[in-house]
Amino acid sequence: MSGYFDFLATKYSKGPNRFALVSYTFDSVIAGYMGLSASAFNAKLEELGTKIASSWPAARYYYIPGALHVGLVYDSSPGFYAWLRAMLEDDPKWINHPN
């Protein structure tokens, strides 16, 4: 997971580019694809969140509790849409979630 983020950060972190990672905390599809257990995936995701927060000022993450896969489809909470809106509007309320 970290290697892919490193590639994106190297390629896009210069200039006005922003990066948003949306993931379920125990995404069963990605965990299976990577050959990880749900708990191992969660640990890697937490490591990635720490890396995002410390290395790319214009990048944020939004973690949704659960094991589903597509956050844009299944998470219809007002908080999620407010987070996306904050990203698009370059609002200072666009912060890591959970922070």
C-alpha atoms as a PDB file:
ATOM      1  CA  MET A   1       0.000   0.000   0.000  1.00  0.00           C
ATOM      2  CA  SER A   2       2.764   2.388   0.906  1.00  0.00           C
ATOM      3  CA  GLY A   3       4.603   1.864  -2.390  1.00  0.00           C
ATOM      4  CA  TYR A   4       1.599   2.948  -4.437  1.00  0.00           C
ATOM      5  CA  PHE A   5       1.167   6.026  -2.260  1.00  0.00           C
ATOM      6  CA  ASP A   6       4.876   6.850  -2.695  1.00  0.00           C
ATOM      7  CA  PHE A   7       4.443   6.683  -6.481  1.00  0.00           C
ATOM      8  CA  LEU A   8       1.414   9.000  -6.403  1.00  0.00           C
ATOM      9  CA  ALA A   9       3.067  11.445  -4.008  1.00  0.00           C
ATOM     10  CA  THR A  10       6.200  11.625  -6.161  1.00  0.00           C
ATOM     11  CA  LYS A  11       4.177  12.200  -9.310  1.00  0.00           C
ATOM     12  CA  TYR A  12       1.429  14.517  -8.028  1.00  0.00           C
ATOM     13  CA  SER A  13       2.379  16.191  -4.746  1.00  0.00           C
ATOM     14  CA  LYS A  14       3.907  19.216  -6.473  1.00  0.00           C
ATOM     15  CA  GLY A  15       1.602  22.102  -7.284  1.00  0.00           C
ATOM     16  CA  PRO A  16      -2.094  22.375  -6.560  1.00  0.00           C
ATOM     17  CA  ASN A  17      -2.863  18.638  -6.642  1.00  0.00           C
ATOM     18  CA  ARG A  18      -4.846  17.108  -3.784  1.00  0.00           C
ATOM     19  CA  PHE A  19      -5.186  13.441  -2.915  1.00  0.00           C
ATOM     20  CA  ALA A  20      -8.061  11.768  -1.089  1.00  0.00           C
ATOM     21  CA  LEU A  21      -8.017   8.178   0.132  1.00  0.00           C
ATOM     22  CA  VAL A  22     -11.390   6.678   1.026  1.00  0.00           C
ATOM     23  CA  SER A  23     -11.394   3.193   2.504  1.00  0.00           C
ATOM     24  CA  TYR A  24     -13.299   0.888   4.763  1.00  0.00           C
ATOM     25  CA  THR A  25     -11.160  -0.008   7.754  1.00  0.00           C
ATOM     26  CA  PHE A  26     -11.347  -3.749   7.029  1.00  0.00           C
ATOM     27  CA  ASP A  27     -12.018  -3.721   3.252  1.00  0.00           C
ATOM     28  CA  SER A  28     -12.443  -7.411   2.436  1.00  0.00           C
ATOM     29  CA  VAL A  29     -11.860  -6.995  -1.317  1.00  0.00           C
ATOM     30  CA  ILE A  30      -8.561  -5.123  -1.074  1.00  0.00           C
ATOM     31  CA  ALA A  31      -7.373  -7.275   1.828  1.00  0.00           C
ATOM     32  CA  GLY A  32      -8.077 -10.417  -0.201  1.00  0.00           C
ATOM     33  CA  TYR A  33      -6.391  -9.009  -3.283  1.00  0.00           C
ATOM     34  CA  MET A  34      -3.297  -8.219  -1.228  1.00  0.00           C
ATOM     35  CA  GLY A  35      -3.343 -11.609   0.504  1.00  0.00           C
ATOM     36  CA  LEU A  36      -3.856 -10.013   3.922  1.00  0.00           C
ATOM     37  CA  SER A  37      -6.153 -10.847   6.787  1.00  0.00           C
ATOM     38  CA  ALA A  38      -8.655  -8.150   7.740  1.00  0.00           C
ATOM     39  CA  SER A  39      -6.618  -7.176  10.795  1.00  0.00           C
ATOM     40  CA  ALA A  40      -3.357  -7.031   8.800  1.00  0.00           C
ATOM     41  CA  PHE A  41      -5.060  -4.836   6.199  1.00  0.00           C
ATOM     42  CA  ASN A  42      -6.312  -2.533   8.956  1.00  0.00           C
ATOM     43  CA  ALA A  43      -2.804  -2.237  10.410  1.00  0.00           C
ATOM     44  CA  LYS A  44      -1.372  -1.378   6.966  1.00  0.00           C
ATOM     45  CA  LEU A  45      -4.146   1.159   6.429  1.00  0.00           C
ATOM     46  CA  GLU A  46      -3.351   2.837   9.748  1.00  0.00           C
ATOM     47  CA  GLU A  47       0.342   2.990   8.769  1.00  0.00           C
ATOM     48  CA  LEU A  48      -0.635   4.548   5.466  1.00  0.00           C
ATOM     49  CA  GLY A  49      -2.782   7.134   7.248  1.00  0.00           C
ATOM     50  CA  THR A  50       0.181   8.125   9.387  1.00  0.00           C
ATOM     51  CA  LYS A  51       2.339   8.447   6.284  1.00  0.00           C
ATOM     52  CA  ILE A  52      -0.283  10.527   4.473  1.00  0.00           C
ATOM     53  CA  ALA A  53      -0.654  12.871   7.433  1.00  0.00           C
ATOM     54  CA  SER A  54       3.088  13.375   7.799  1.00  0.00           C
ATOM     55  CA  SER A  55       4.335  13.529   4.226  1.00  0.00           C
ATOM     56  CA  TRP A  56       1.836  15.137   1.822  1.00  0.00           C
ATOM     57  CA  PRO A  57       0.228  18.341   3.087  1.00  0.00           C
ATOM     58  CA  ALA A  58      -2.475  18.269   0.390  1.00  0.00           C
ATOM     59  CA  ALA A  59      -3.537  14.670   1.035  1.00  0.00           C
ATOM     60  CA  ARG A  60      -6.228  13.405   3.401  1.00  0.00           C
ATOM     61  CA  TYR A  61      -7.889  10.118   4.255  1.00  0.00           C
ATOM     62  CA  TYR A  62     -11.427   9.179   5.205  1.00  0.00           C
ATOM     63  CA  TYR A  63     -11.828   5.803   6.889  1.00  0.00           C
ATOM     64  CA  ILE A  64     -15.245   4.200   7.152  1.00  0.00           C
ATOM     65  CA  PRO A  65     -15.730   1.510   9.809  1.00  0.00           C
ATOM     66  CA  GLY A  66     -16.507  -1.880   8.291  1.00  0.00           C
ATOM     67  CA  ALA A  67     -15.513  -4.473   5.713  1.00  0.00           C
ATOM     68  CA  LEU A  68     -17.371  -3.284   2.611  1.00  0.00           C
ATOM     69  CA  HIS A  69     -15.493  -2.099  -0.448  1.00  0.00           C
ATOM     70  CA  VAL A  70     -16.912   0.943  -2.254  1.00  0.00           C
ATOM     71  CA  GLY A  71     -17.182   3.912   0.103  1.00  0.00           C
ATOM     72  CA  LEU A  72     -18.593   6.280  -2.480  1.00  0.00           C
ATOM     73  CA  VAL A  73     -21.585   3.989  -2.938  1.00  0.00           C
ATOM     74  CA  TYR A  74     -22.318   2.648   0.525  1.00  0.00           C
ATOM     75  CA  ASP A  75     -21.423   5.441   2.905  1.00  0.00           C
ATOM     76  CA  SER A  76     -24.240   7.937   2.577  1.00  0.00           C
ATOM     77  CA  SER A  77     -23.535   9.753   5.835  1.00  0.00           C
ATOM     78  CA  PRO A  78     -23.772  13.535   5.705  1.00  0.00           C
ATOM     79  CA  GLY A  79     -20.265  13.697   7.207  1.00  0.00           C
ATOM     80  CA  PHE A  80     -18.774  11.880   4.228  1.00  0.00           C
ATOM     81  CA  TYR A  81     -20.384  14.188   1.683  1.00  0.00           C
ATOM     82  CA  ALA A  82     -19.367  17.239   3.723  1.00  0.00           C
ATOM     83  CA  TRP A  83     -15.789  15.909   3.685  1.00  0.00           C
ATOM     84  CA  LEU A  84     -15.860  15.539  -0.113  1.00  0.00           C
ATOM     85  CA  ARG A  85     -17.370  18.990  -0.508  1.00  0.00           C
ATOM     86  CA  ALA A  86     -14.647  20.449   1.740  1.00  0.00           C
ATOM     87  CA  MET A  87     -12.005  18.856  -0.501  1.00  0.00           C
ATOM     88  CA  LEU A  88     -13.540  20.251  -3.684  1.00  0.00           C
ATOM     89  CA  GLU A  89     -13.957  23.716  -2.194  1.00  0.00           C
ATOM     90  CA  ASP A  90     -10.478  23.778  -0.613  1.00  0.00           C
ATOM     91  CA  ASP A  91     -12.158  24.259   2.754  1.00  0.00           C
ATOM     92  CA  PRO A  92      -9.987  24.090   5.908  1.00  0.00           C
ATOM     93  CA  LYS A  93     -12.570  21.633   7.285  1.00  0.00           C
ATOM     94  CA  TRP A  94     -11.084  19.026   4.926  1.00  0.00           C
ATOM     95  CA  ILE A  95      -9.227  16.998   7.553  1.00  0.00           C
ATOM     96  CA  ASN A  96      -8.335  13.343   8.055  1.00  0.00           C
ATOM     97  CA  HIS A  97     -11.227  11.259   9.323  1.00  0.00           C
ATOM     98  CA  PRO A  98     -11.082   9.888  11.880  1.00  0.00           C
ATOM     99  CA  ASN A  99      -8.491  12.401  12.934  1.00  0.00           C
END
